[in-house]
Amino acid sequence: LTTGRPLQAIGTFLEELDLLGENQYSITFNGGLVQENTGRILDKTGFSIDDVRVIRQVTNQLDLPLDVLYGGD
């Protein structure tokens, strides 16, 4: 399954589509995270803190909301 949502938010869909077994994968956060549906992360792509600062400056100027998640590494 591919989505902009986090894995925790699509559990109902995964269950309905019978995608909870072994070798089932999801691409979440609009492609930023590839993981097994068990939660194990296979690959991820993110922005540097400097990139986030630039993006935040632009969203502030445009009066747009911005949600940022930090993966801790």
PDB file of N, CA and C in Angstrom:
ATOM      1  N   LEU A   1       0.849  -1.169   0.000  1.00  0.00           N
ATOM      2  CA  LEU A   1       0.000   0.000   0.000  1.00  0.00           C
ATOM      3  C   LEU A   1       0.893   1.230   0.000  1.00  0.00           C
ATOM      4  N   THR A   2       0.504   2.256  -0.706  1.00  0.00           N
ATOM      5  CA  THR A   2       1.245   3.513  -0.744  1.00  0.00           C
ATOM      6  C   THR A   2       0.327   4.625  -0.260  1.00  0.00           C
ATOM      7  N   THR A   3       0.853   5.484   0.635  1.00  0.00           N
ATOM      8  CA  THR A   3       0.024   6.526   1.226  1.00  0.00           C
ATOM      9  C   THR A   3       0.881   7.652   1.785  1.00  0.00           C
ATOM     10  N   GLY A   4       0.273   8.765   2.047  1.00  0.00           N
ATOM     11  CA  GLY A   4       0.943   9.855   2.734  1.00  0.00           C
ATOM     12  C   GLY A   4       0.853   9.718   4.239  1.00  0.00           C
ATOM     13  N   ARG A   5       0.073   8.784   4.688  1.00  0.00           N
ATOM     14  CA  ARG A   5      -0.164   8.594   6.118  1.00  0.00           C
ATOM     15  C   ARG A   5       0.909   7.702   6.747  1.00  0.00           C
ATOM     16  N   PRO A   6       1.004   7.728   8.076  1.00  0.00           N
ATOM     17  CA  PRO A   6       1.896   6.791   8.762  1.00  0.00           C
ATOM     18  C   PRO A   6       1.262   5.404   8.817  1.00  0.00           C
ATOM     19  N   LEU A   7       2.079   4.406   9.046  1.00  0.00           N
ATOM     20  CA  LEU A   7       1.605   3.021   9.095  1.00  0.00           C
ATOM     21  C   LEU A   7       0.491   2.843  10.129  1.00  0.00           C
ATOM     22  N   GLN A   8       0.618   3.490  11.279  1.00  0.00           N
ATOM     23  CA  GLN A   8      -0.379   3.342  12.338  1.00  0.00           C
ATOM     24  C   GLN A   8      -1.763   3.814  11.896  1.00  0.00           C
ATOM     25  N   ALA A   9      -1.819   4.716  10.930  1.00  0.00           N
ATOM     26  CA  ALA A   9      -3.100   5.267  10.486  1.00  0.00           C
ATOM     27  C   ALA A   9      -3.784   4.419   9.418  1.00  0.00           C
ATOM     28  N   ILE A  10      -3.103   3.406   8.897  1.00  0.00           N
ATOM     29  CA  ILE A  10      -3.690   2.620   7.808  1.00  0.00           C
ATOM     30  C   ILE A  10      -3.956   1.168   8.194  1.00  0.00           C
ATOM     31  N   GLY A  11      -3.882   0.870   9.470  1.00  0.00           N
ATOM     32  CA  GLY A  11      -4.087  -0.500   9.935  1.00  0.00           C
ATOM     33  C   GLY A  11      -5.394  -1.108   9.465  1.00  0.00           C
ATOM     34  N   THR A  12      -6.470  -0.334   9.487  1.00  0.00           N
ATOM     35  CA  THR A  12      -7.779  -0.829   9.046  1.00  0.00           C
ATOM     36  C   THR A  12      -7.742  -1.212   7.571  1.00  0.00           C
ATOM     37  N   PHE A  13      -7.087  -0.383   6.753  1.00  0.00           N
ATOM     38  CA  PHE A  13      -6.983  -0.681   5.320  1.00  0.00           C
ATOM     39  C   PHE A  13      -6.139  -1.930   5.081  1.00  0.00           C
ATOM     40  N   LEU A  14      -5.028  -2.047   5.814  1.00  0.00           N
ATOM     41  CA  LEU A  14      -4.166  -3.219   5.659  1.00  0.00           C
ATOM     42  C   LEU A  14      -4.919  -4.494   6.013  1.00  0.00           C
ATOM     43  N   GLU A  15      -5.703  -4.418   7.067  1.00  0.00           N
ATOM     44  CA  GLU A  15      -6.496  -5.577   7.477  1.00  0.00           C
ATOM     45  C   GLU A  15      -7.552  -5.920   6.427  1.00  0.00           C
ATOM     46  N   GLU A  16      -8.259  -4.902   5.953  1.00  0.00           N
ATOM     47  CA  GLU A  16      -9.310  -5.114   4.949  1.00  0.00           C
ATOM     48  C   GLU A  16      -8.754  -5.697   3.656  1.00  0.00           C
ATOM     49  N   LEU A  17      -7.540  -5.277   3.283  1.00  0.00           N
ATOM     50  CA  LEU A  17      -6.916  -5.757   2.050  1.00  0.00           C
ATOM     51  C   LEU A  17      -6.075  -7.019   2.264  1.00  0.00           C
ATOM     52  N   ASP A  18      -6.106  -7.543   3.471  1.00  0.00           N
ATOM     53  CA  ASP A  18      -5.353  -8.747   3.832  1.00  0.00           C
ATOM     54  C   ASP A  18      -3.856  -8.572   3.552  1.00  0.00           C
ATOM     55  N   LEU A  19      -3.316  -7.459   4.029  1.00  0.00           N
ATOM     56  CA  LEU A  19      -1.901  -7.148   3.825  1.00  0.00           C
ATOM     57  C   LEU A  19      -1.110  -7.184   5.135  1.00  0.00           C
ATOM     58  N   LEU A  20      -1.554  -7.985   6.081  1.00  0.00           N
ATOM     59  CA  LEU A  20      -0.873  -8.043   7.370  1.00  0.00           C
ATOM     60  C   LEU A  20       0.034  -9.256   7.518  1.00  0.00           C
ATOM     61  N   GLY A  21       0.102 -10.107   6.507  1.00  0.00           N
ATOM     62  CA  GLY A  21       0.928 -11.306   6.591  1.00  0.00           C
ATOM     63  C   GLY A  21       2.395 -11.023   6.320  1.00  0.00           C
ATOM     64  N   GLU A  22       3.160 -12.106   6.236  1.00  0.00           N
ATOM     65  CA  GLU A  22       4.585 -11.978   5.937  1.00  0.00           C
ATOM     66  C   GLU A  22       4.789 -11.398   4.543  1.00  0.00           C
ATOM     67  N   ASN A  23       5.907 -10.726   4.375  1.00  0.00           N
ATOM     68  CA  ASN A  23       6.296 -10.142   3.088  1.00  0.00           C
ATOM     69  C   ASN A  23       5.276  -9.143   2.548  1.00  0.00           C
ATOM     70  N   GLN A  24       4.676  -8.376   3.438  1.00  0.00           N
ATOM     71  CA  GLN A  24       3.745  -7.319   3.050  1.00  0.00           C
ATOM     72  C   GLN A  24       4.395  -5.982   3.407  1.00  0.00           C
ATOM     73  N   TYR A  25       4.350  -5.030   2.487  1.00  0.00           N
ATOM     74  CA  TYR A  25       5.086  -3.782   2.646  1.00  0.00           C
ATOM     75  C   TYR A  25       4.191  -2.583   2.369  1.00  0.00           C
ATOM     76  N   SER A  26       4.580  -1.444   2.934  1.00  0.00           N
ATOM     77  CA  SER A  26       3.896  -0.181   2.649  1.00  0.00           C
ATOM     78  C   SER A  26       4.933   0.910   2.441  1.00  0.00           C
ATOM     79  N   ILE A  27       4.591   1.836   1.571  1.00  0.00           N
ATOM     80  CA  ILE A  27       5.383   3.044   1.363  1.00  0.00           C
ATOM     81  C   ILE A  27       4.551   4.163   1.970  1.00  0.00           C
ATOM     82  N   THR A  28       5.064   4.749   3.038  1.00  0.00           N
ATOM     83  CA  THR A  28       4.292   5.721   3.808  1.00  0.00           C
ATOM     84  C   THR A  28       4.949   7.098   3.770  1.00  0.00           C
ATOM     85  N   PHE A  29       4.282   8.065   4.372  1.00  0.00           N
ATOM     86  CA  PHE A  29       4.779   9.445   4.420  1.00  0.00           C
ATOM     87  C   PHE A  29       5.168   9.951   3.030  1.00  0.00           C
ATOM     88  N   ASN A  30       4.297   9.689   2.053  1.00  0.00           N
ATOM     89  CA  ASN A  30       4.514  10.146   0.672  1.00  0.00           C
ATOM     90  C   ASN A  30       5.857   9.703   0.109  1.00  0.00           C
ATOM     91  N   GLY A  31       6.249   8.492   0.434  1.00  0.00           N
ATOM     92  CA  GLY A  31       7.489   7.933  -0.086  1.00  0.00           C
ATOM     93  C   GLY A  31       8.683   8.108   0.826  1.00  0.00           C
ATOM     94  N   GLY A  32       8.509   8.774   1.941  1.00  0.00           N
ATOM     95  CA  GLY A  32       9.620   9.017   2.850  1.00  0.00           C
ATOM     96  C   GLY A  32      10.029   7.813   3.676  1.00  0.00           C
ATOM     97  N   LEU A  33       9.153   6.805   3.744  1.00  0.00           N
ATOM     98  CA  LEU A  33       9.430   5.637   4.571  1.00  0.00           C
ATOM     99  C   LEU A  33       8.925   4.382   3.864  1.00  0.00           C
ATOM    100  N   VAL A  34       9.790   3.387   3.756  1.00  0.00           N
ATOM    101  CA  VAL A  34       9.412   2.085   3.205  1.00  0.00           C
ATOM    102  C   VAL A  34       9.561   1.095   4.346  1.00  0.00           C
ATOM    103  N   GLN A  35       8.485   0.359   4.619  1.00  0.00           N
ATOM    104  CA  GLN A  35       8.543  -0.539   5.761  1.00  0.00           C
ATOM    105  C   GLN A  35       7.684  -1.776   5.561  1.00  0.00           C
ATOM    106  N   GLU A  36       8.056  -2.814   6.298  1.00  0.00           N
ATOM    107  CA  GLU A  36       7.196  -3.981   6.356  1.00  0.00           C
ATOM    108  C   GLU A  36       5.962  -3.575   7.149  1.00  0.00           C
ATOM    109  N   ASN A  37       4.863  -4.235   6.910  1.00  0.00           N
ATOM    110  CA  ASN A  37       3.645  -3.883   7.630  1.00  0.00           C
ATOM    111  C   ASN A  37       3.686  -4.304   9.096  1.00  0.00           C
ATOM    112  N   THR A  38       4.776  -4.924   9.498  1.00  0.00           N
ATOM    113  CA  THR A  38       5.024  -5.203  10.912  1.00  0.00           C
ATOM    114  C   THR A  38       5.587  -3.972  11.608  1.00  0.00           C
ATOM    115  N   GLY A  39       6.038  -2.985  10.812  1.00  0.00           N
ATOM    116  CA  GLY A  39       6.626  -1.769  11.352  1.00  0.00           C
ATOM    117  C   GLY A  39       8.122  -1.661  11.123  1.00  0.00           C
ATOM    118  N   ARG A  40       8.764  -2.757  10.749  1.00  0.00           N
ATOM    119  CA  ARG A  40      10.216  -2.726  10.524  1.00  0.00           C
ATOM    120  C   ARG A  40      10.536  -1.817   9.339  1.00  0.00           C
ATOM    121  N   ILE A  41      11.418  -0.843   9.562  1.00  0.00           N
ATOM    122  CA  ILE A  41      11.789   0.121   8.531  1.00  0.00           C
ATOM    123  C   ILE A  41      12.843  -0.484   7.615  1.00  0.00           C
ATOM    124  N   LEU A  42      12.582  -0.404   6.309  1.00  0.00           N
ATOM    125  CA  LEU A  42      13.513  -0.915   5.311  1.00  0.00           C
ATOM    126  C   LEU A  42      14.351   0.201   4.704  1.00  0.00           C
ATOM    127  N   ASP A  43      13.741   1.375   4.524  1.00  0.00           N
ATOM    128  CA  ASP A  43      14.451   2.515   3.949  1.00  0.00           C
ATOM    129  C   ASP A  43      13.698   3.781   4.307  1.00  0.00           C
ATOM    130  N   LYS A  44      14.429   4.890   4.378  1.00  0.00           N
ATOM    131  CA  LYS A  44      13.776   6.168   4.661  1.00  0.00           C
ATOM    132  C   LYS A  44      14.562   7.297   4.016  1.00  0.00           C
ATOM    133  N   THR A  45      13.846   8.359   3.718  1.00  0.00           N
ATOM    134  CA  THR A  45      14.434   9.556   3.138  1.00  0.00           C
ATOM    135  C   THR A  45      13.896  10.746   3.908  1.00  0.00           C
ATOM    136  N   GLY A  46      14.768  11.648   4.266  1.00  0.00           N
ATOM    137  CA  GLY A  46      14.323  12.810   5.024  1.00  0.00           C
ATOM    138  C   GLY A  46      15.065  14.061   4.612  1.00  0.00           C
ATOM    139  N   PHE A  47      14.733  15.147   5.267  1.00  0.00           N
ATOM    140  CA  PHE A  47      15.365  16.435   5.027  1.00  0.00           C
ATOM    141  C   PHE A  47      16.371  16.729   6.132  1.00  0.00           C
ATOM    142  N   SER A  48      17.388  17.499   5.799  1.00  0.00           N
ATOM    143  CA  SER A  48      18.313  17.975   6.828  1.00  0.00           C
ATOM    144  C   SER A  48      17.617  19.082   7.619  1.00  0.00           C
ATOM    145  N   ILE A  49      18.148  19.410   8.777  1.00  0.00           N
ATOM    146  CA  ILE A  49      17.566  20.488   9.586  1.00  0.00           C
ATOM    147  C   ILE A  49      17.631  21.816   8.836  1.00  0.00           C
ATOM    148  N   ASP A  50      18.675  22.024   8.052  1.00  0.00           N
ATOM    149  CA  ASP A  50      18.767  23.254   7.255  1.00  0.00           C
ATOM    150  C   ASP A  50      17.672  23.303   6.193  1.00  0.00           C
ATOM    151  N   ASP A  51      17.393  22.161   5.560  1.00  0.00           N
ATOM    152  CA  ASP A  51      16.294  22.095   4.589  1.00  0.00           C
ATOM    153  C   ASP A  51      14.966  22.437   5.258  1.00  0.00           C
ATOM    154  N   VAL A  52      14.753  21.887   6.439  1.00  0.00           N
ATOM    155  CA  VAL A  52      13.499  22.134   7.162  1.00  0.00           C
ATOM    156  C   VAL A  52      13.359  23.612   7.509  1.00  0.00           C
ATOM    157  N   ARG A  53      14.446  24.240   7.884  1.00  0.00           N
ATOM    158  CA  ARG A  53      14.391  25.679   8.196  1.00  0.00           C
ATOM    159  C   ARG A  53      13.964  26.495   6.972  1.00  0.00           C
ATOM    160  N   VAL A  54      14.508  26.157   5.813  1.00  0.00           N
ATOM    161  CA  VAL A  54      14.147  26.864   4.576  1.00  0.00           C
ATOM    162  C   VAL A  54      12.677  26.618   4.241  1.00  0.00           C
ATOM    163  N   ILE A  55      12.249  25.374   4.329  1.00  0.00           N
ATOM    164  CA  ILE A  55      10.850  25.038   4.044  1.00  0.00           C
ATOM    165  C   ILE A  55       9.928  25.768   5.013  1.00  0.00           C
ATOM    166  N   ARG A  56      10.305  25.806   6.283  1.00  0.00           N
ATOM    167  CA  ARG A  56       9.482  26.495   7.287  1.00  0.00           C
ATOM    168  C   ARG A  56       9.386  27.982   6.986  1.00  0.00           C
ATOM    169  N   GLN A  57      10.467  28.586   6.568  1.00  0.00           N
ATOM    170  CA  GLN A  57      10.457  30.008   6.230  1.00  0.00           C
ATOM    171  C   GLN A  57       9.471  30.276   5.088  1.00  0.00           C
ATOM    172  N   VAL A  58       9.494  29.434   4.080  1.00  0.00           N
ATOM    173  CA  VAL A  58       8.581  29.601   2.940  1.00  0.00           C
ATOM    174  C   VAL A  58       7.132  29.392   3.370  1.00  0.00           C
ATOM    175  N   THR A  59       6.868  28.345   4.153  1.00  0.00           N
ATOM    176  CA  THR A  59       5.486  28.102   4.577  1.00  0.00           C
ATOM    177  C   THR A  59       4.979  29.223   5.479  1.00  0.00           C
ATOM    178  N   ASN A  60       5.860  29.798   6.284  1.00  0.00           N
ATOM    179  CA  ASN A  60       5.459  30.956   7.096  1.00  0.00           C
ATOM    180  C   ASN A  60       5.083  32.136   6.208  1.00  0.00           C
ATOM    181  N   GLN A  61       5.897  32.399   5.191  1.00  0.00           N
ATOM    182  CA  GLN A  61       5.624  33.515   4.282  1.00  0.00           C
ATOM    183  C   GLN A  61       4.300  33.332   3.546  1.00  0.00           C
ATOM    184  N   LEU A  62       3.972  32.094   3.236  1.00  0.00           N
ATOM    185  CA  LEU A  62       2.736  31.794   2.510  1.00  0.00           C
ATOM    186  C   LEU A  62       1.559  31.520   3.446  1.00  0.00           C
ATOM    187  N   ASP A  63       1.805  31.625   4.746  1.00  0.00           N
ATOM    188  CA  ASP A  63       0.786  31.369   5.765  1.00  0.00           C
ATOM    189  C   ASP A  63       0.179  29.970   5.602  1.00  0.00           C
ATOM    190  N   LEU A  64       1.067  28.987   5.422  1.00  0.00           N
ATOM    191  CA  LEU A  64       0.655  27.596   5.261  1.00  0.00           C
ATOM    192  C   LEU A  64       1.070  26.780   6.482  1.00  0.00           C
ATOM    193  N   PRO A  65       0.292  25.769   6.825  1.00  0.00           N
ATOM    194  CA  PRO A  65       0.685  24.905   7.941  1.00  0.00           C
ATOM    195  C   PRO A  65       1.819  23.971   7.528  1.00  0.00           C
ATOM    196  N   LEU A  66       2.572  23.510   8.504  1.00  0.00           N
ATOM    197  CA  LEU A  66       3.655  22.563   8.244  1.00  0.00           C
ATOM    198  C   LEU A  66       3.781  21.636   9.437  1.00  0.00           C
ATOM    199  N   ASP A  67       3.754  20.349   9.179  1.00  0.00           N
ATOM    200  CA  ASP A  67       4.010  19.341  10.203  1.00  0.00           C
ATOM    201  C   ASP A  67       5.368  18.728   9.919  1.00  0.00           C
ATOM    202  N   VAL A  68       6.188  18.621  10.938  1.00  0.00           N
ATOM    203  CA  VAL A  68       7.517  18.043  10.793  1.00  0.00           C
ATOM    204  C   VAL A  68       7.657  16.908  11.791  1.00  0.00           C
ATOM    205  N   LEU A  69       8.127  15.773  11.311  1.00  0.00           N
ATOM    206  CA  LEU A  69       8.404  14.626  12.170  1.00  0.00           C
ATOM    207  C   LEU A  69       9.898  14.417  12.212  1.00  0.00           C
ATOM    208  N   TYR A  70      10.400  14.107  13.394  1.00  0.00           N
ATOM    209  CA  TYR A  70      11.827  13.879  13.557  1.00  0.00           C
ATOM    210  C   TYR A  70      12.057  12.426  13.924  1.00  0.00           C
ATOM    211  N   GLY A  71      12.904  11.757  13.144  1.00  0.00           N
ATOM    212  CA  GLY A  71      13.159  10.341  13.357  1.00  0.00           C
ATOM    213  C   GLY A  71      14.206  10.037  14.396  1.00  0.00           C
ATOM    214  N   GLY A  72      14.881  11.034  14.907  1.00  0.00           N
ATOM    215  CA  GLY A  72      15.810  10.825  15.994  1.00  0.00           C
ATOM    216  C   GLY A  72      17.224  10.462  15.621  1.00  0.00           C
ATOM    217  N   ASP A  73      17.562  10.473  14.340  1.00  0.00           N
ATOM    218  CA  ASP A  73      18.956  10.165  14.012  1.00  0.00           C
ATOM    219  C   ASP A  73      19.519  11.115  13.028  1.00  0.00           C
TER     220      ASP A  73
END
